[in-house]
Amino acid sequence: MTKHAVAWTEIPVTDMEKSVAFYNDVFDFGMTIDNSGPNPMAMFGATGNAIGGHLYPGKPAADGGNTIHLYVPDGLEATMKRCESAGGEIVSPIITIPPGRFAYAKDLDGNSLGIFEAAS
C-alpha cells in the first residue's frame, strides 16, 4: 500500500452554502452538505485511494492558514477565472515547477488555496 504524506484536509468556512457553491463552481466537485454527523460537512475528492477533505463550519485563520493545493478540472487559466467570478481572489502570478503550474488564491473566507495543473 502506498503511504501518502497527507491523510485528510479540512477547510473551515463561515457559510457552508456559499462555500459549497464556490468550490463546486471553481473545481466542479459536485459537493453537497451532509448533516448526518455531529457537524455539517461537505466532502471533496474522497473516492477510492484519493486523498480528499471537507468543508466544515469553523473559524478560518486570520492569515489564510495552511495552503491546500487542489487540482484544476480543466486548464489553470479557466479555473483562475472561475475563482474570481465566484468571489475568490487570485493572489499570485502563475508559477511553473517541474510537476506542473499553479497559482495561489483565496476562497470566500480568505483560506489559502493552490490552484494546481499537473504537467502533461
C-alpha atoms as a PDB file:
ATOM      1  CA  MET A   1       0.000   0.000   0.000  1.00  0.00           C
ATOM      2  CA  THR A   2       1.255   3.476  -0.902  1.00  0.00           C
ATOM      3  CA  LYS A   3       1.819   5.741   2.072  1.00  0.00           C
ATOM      4  CA  HIS A   4       0.728   9.319   1.488  1.00  0.00           C
ATOM      5  CA  ALA A   5       2.098  12.232   3.471  1.00  0.00           C
ATOM      6  CA  VAL A   6      -1.373  13.796   3.708  1.00  0.00           C
ATOM      7  CA  ALA A   7      -4.240  11.801   5.213  1.00  0.00           C
ATOM      8  CA  TRP A   8      -7.060  14.338   5.077  1.00  0.00           C
ATOM      9  CA  THR A   9      -7.701  18.073   4.738  1.00  0.00           C
ATOM     10  CA  GLU A  10     -10.240  20.308   6.429  1.00  0.00           C
ATOM     11  CA  ILE A  11     -11.173  23.815   5.346  1.00  0.00           C
ATOM     12  CA  PRO A  12     -13.055  25.988   7.859  1.00  0.00           C
ATOM     13  CA  VAL A  13     -15.754  28.206   6.341  1.00  0.00           C
ATOM     14  CA  THR A  14     -18.223  30.700   7.761  1.00  0.00           C
ATOM     15  CA  ASP A  15     -21.119  29.995   5.351  1.00  0.00           C
ATOM     16  CA  MET A  16     -21.481  26.377   4.248  1.00  0.00           C
ATOM     17  CA  GLU A  17     -23.959  27.006   1.422  1.00  0.00           C
ATOM     18  CA  LYS A  18     -21.955  29.850  -0.153  1.00  0.00           C
ATOM     19  CA  SER A  19     -18.668  27.969   0.257  1.00  0.00           C
ATOM     20  CA  VAL A  20     -20.022  24.732  -1.251  1.00  0.00           C
ATOM     21  CA  ALA A  21     -21.271  26.768  -4.227  1.00  0.00           C
ATOM     22  CA  PHE A  22     -17.826  28.428  -4.558  1.00  0.00           C
ATOM     23  CA  TYR A  23     -15.871  25.133  -4.520  1.00  0.00           C
ATOM     24  CA  ASN A  24     -18.367  23.477  -6.862  1.00  0.00           C
ATOM     25  CA  ASP A  25     -18.148  26.414  -9.303  1.00  0.00           C
ATOM     26  CA  VAL A  26     -14.354  26.623  -9.239  1.00  0.00           C
ATOM     27  CA  PHE A  27     -13.376  22.933  -9.063  1.00  0.00           C
ATOM     28  CA  ASP A  28     -16.517  21.141 -10.329  1.00  0.00           C
ATOM     29  CA  PHE A  29     -16.613  18.950  -7.211  1.00  0.00           C
ATOM     30  CA  GLY A  30     -20.372  18.283  -7.047  1.00  0.00           C
ATOM     31  CA  MET A  31     -20.289  18.608  -3.249  1.00  0.00           C
ATOM     32  CA  THR A  32     -23.396  18.554  -1.086  1.00  0.00           C
ATOM     33  CA  ILE A  33     -23.796  19.355   2.590  1.00  0.00           C
ATOM     34  CA  ASP A  34     -24.031  16.260   4.792  1.00  0.00           C
ATOM     35  CA  ASN A  35     -25.885  16.914   8.054  1.00  0.00           C
ATOM     36  CA  SER A  36     -25.812  13.303   9.306  1.00  0.00           C
ATOM     37  CA  GLY A  37     -22.948  13.755  11.781  1.00  0.00           C
ATOM     38  CA  PRO A  38     -22.432  15.965  14.782  1.00  0.00           C
ATOM     39  CA  ASN A  39     -21.376  18.834  12.486  1.00  0.00           C
ATOM     40  CA  PRO A  40     -22.307  19.621   8.893  1.00  0.00           C
ATOM     41  CA  MET A  41     -19.636  18.930   6.293  1.00  0.00           C
ATOM     42  CA  ALA A  42     -19.214  18.792   2.533  1.00  0.00           C
ATOM     43  CA  MET A  43     -16.627  16.315   1.240  1.00  0.00           C
ATOM     44  CA  PHE A  44     -14.402  16.592  -1.848  1.00  0.00           C
ATOM     45  CA  GLY A  45     -12.002  14.180  -3.537  1.00  0.00           C
ATOM     46  CA  ALA A  46     -12.637  11.283  -1.166  1.00  0.00           C
ATOM     47  CA  THR A  47     -13.112   8.476  -3.685  1.00  0.00           C
ATOM     48  CA  GLY A  48     -11.097   5.281  -3.996  1.00  0.00           C
ATOM     49  CA  ASN A  49      -7.490   5.769  -2.935  1.00  0.00           C
ATOM     50  CA  ALA A  50      -7.638   9.561  -3.371  1.00  0.00           C
ATOM     51  CA  ILE A  51      -6.799  11.976  -0.598  1.00  0.00           C
ATOM     52  CA  GLY A  52      -9.629  14.389  -0.016  1.00  0.00           C
ATOM     53  CA  GLY A  53     -11.103  16.580   2.611  1.00  0.00           C
ATOM     54  CA  HIS A  54     -14.130  18.537   3.609  1.00  0.00           C
ATOM     55  CA  LEU A  55     -15.502  21.961   4.346  1.00  0.00           C
ATOM     56  CA  TYR A  56     -16.894  22.479   7.827  1.00  0.00           C
ATOM     57  CA  PRO A  57     -18.353  25.379   9.813  1.00  0.00           C
ATOM     58  CA  GLY A  58     -15.401  26.945  11.556  1.00  0.00           C
ATOM     59  CA  LYS A  59     -13.231  29.998  12.008  1.00  0.00           C
ATOM     60  CA  PRO A  60     -10.671  30.469   9.214  1.00  0.00           C
ATOM     61  CA  ALA A  61      -7.159  31.510  10.252  1.00  0.00           C
ATOM     62  CA  ALA A  62      -6.655  35.280  10.169  1.00  0.00           C
ATOM     63  CA  ASP A  63      -3.653  34.966   7.819  1.00  0.00           C
ATOM     64  CA  GLY A  64      -5.143  32.360   5.441  1.00  0.00           C
ATOM     65  CA  GLY A  65      -3.712  29.387   7.335  1.00  0.00           C
ATOM     66  CA  ASN A  66      -2.042  26.470   5.599  1.00  0.00           C
ATOM     67  CA  THR A  67      -2.300  26.220   1.826  1.00  0.00           C
ATOM     68  CA  ILE A  68      -4.179  23.283   0.315  1.00  0.00           C
ATOM     69  CA  HIS A  69      -3.344  22.674  -3.357  1.00  0.00           C
ATOM     70  CA  LEU A  70      -6.283  21.385  -5.402  1.00  0.00           C
ATOM     71  CA  TYR A  71      -6.169  20.012  -8.949  1.00  0.00           C
ATOM     72  CA  VAL A  72      -7.984  22.010 -11.625  1.00  0.00           C
ATOM     73  CA  PRO A  73     -10.765  20.205 -13.517  1.00  0.00           C
ATOM     74  CA  ASP A  74      -9.554  21.756 -16.781  1.00  0.00           C
ATOM     75  CA  GLY A  75      -6.987  24.470 -17.610  1.00  0.00           C
ATOM     76  CA  LEU A  76      -5.332  26.622 -14.959  1.00  0.00           C
ATOM     77  CA  GLU A  77      -6.367  29.929 -16.545  1.00  0.00           C
ATOM     78  CA  ALA A  78     -10.023  28.825 -16.817  1.00  0.00           C
ATOM     79  CA  THR A  79     -10.037  27.782 -13.158  1.00  0.00           C
ATOM     80  CA  MET A  80      -8.461  31.093 -12.119  1.00  0.00           C
ATOM     81  CA  LYS A  81     -11.226  32.975 -13.958  1.00  0.00           C
ATOM     82  CA  ARG A  82     -13.925  30.860 -12.280  1.00  0.00           C
ATOM     83  CA  CYS A  83     -12.303  31.509  -8.896  1.00  0.00           C
ATOM     84  CA  GLU A  84     -12.539  35.276  -9.391  1.00  0.00           C
ATOM     85  CA  SER A  85     -16.058  35.077 -10.849  1.00  0.00           C
ATOM     86  CA  ALA A  86     -17.198  33.036  -7.838  1.00  0.00           C
ATOM     87  CA  GLY A  87     -15.891  35.683  -5.401  1.00  0.00           C
ATOM     88  CA  GLY A  88     -12.401  34.324  -4.698  1.00  0.00           C
ATOM     89  CA  GLU A  89      -9.129  36.162  -5.193  1.00  0.00           C
ATOM     90  CA  ILE A  90      -6.041  35.202  -7.197  1.00  0.00           C
ATOM     91  CA  VAL A  91      -3.031  36.396  -5.169  1.00  0.00           C
ATOM     92  CA  SER A  92      -0.051  35.346  -7.310  1.00  0.00           C
ATOM     93  CA  PRO A  93       1.037  35.038 -10.901  1.00  0.00           C
ATOM     94  CA  ILE A  94       1.193  31.555 -12.432  1.00  0.00           C
ATOM     95  CA  ILE A  95       4.186  29.646 -11.055  1.00  0.00           C
ATOM     96  CA  THR A  96       5.739  26.828 -13.097  1.00  0.00           C
ATOM     97  CA  ILE A  97       7.507  23.941 -11.371  1.00  0.00           C
ATOM     98  CA  PRO A  98       8.599  20.564 -12.785  1.00  0.00           C
ATOM     99  CA  PRO A  99       5.354  18.751 -11.776  1.00  0.00           C
ATOM    100  CA  GLY A 100       3.083  21.448 -13.290  1.00  0.00           C
ATOM    101  CA  ARG A 101       1.819  25.012 -12.826  1.00  0.00           C
ATOM    102  CA  PHE A 102      -0.165  26.686 -10.087  1.00  0.00           C
ATOM    103  CA  ALA A 103      -1.356  29.988  -8.697  1.00  0.00           C
ATOM    104  CA  TYR A 104      -2.142  30.972  -5.146  1.00  0.00           C
ATOM    105  CA  ALA A 105      -5.700  32.060  -4.413  1.00  0.00           C
ATOM    106  CA  LYS A 106      -8.034  32.766  -1.513  1.00  0.00           C
ATOM    107  CA  ASP A 107     -11.559  31.441  -1.094  1.00  0.00           C
ATOM    108  CA  LEU A 108     -14.570  33.424   0.193  1.00  0.00           C
ATOM    109  CA  ASP A 109     -13.236  33.262   3.779  1.00  0.00           C
ATOM    110  CA  GLY A 110      -9.624  34.077   2.904  1.00  0.00           C
ATOM    111  CA  ASN A 111      -8.437  30.459   3.179  1.00  0.00           C
ATOM    112  CA  SER A 112      -5.237  29.958   1.182  1.00  0.00           C
ATOM    113  CA  LEU A 113      -5.537  27.700  -1.880  1.00  0.00           C
ATOM    114  CA  GLY A 114      -3.145  26.485  -4.514  1.00  0.00           C
ATOM    115  CA  ILE A 115      -4.902  26.002  -7.854  1.00  0.00           C
ATOM    116  CA  PHE A 116      -2.759  23.281  -9.460  1.00  0.00           C
ATOM    117  CA  GLU A 117      -2.494  21.971 -13.041  1.00  0.00           C
ATOM    118  CA  ALA A 118      -0.278  18.900 -13.453  1.00  0.00           C
ATOM    119  CA  ALA A 119       2.258  18.818 -16.267  1.00  0.00           C
ATOM    120  CA  SER A 120       1.118  16.763 -19.228  1.00  0.00           C
END
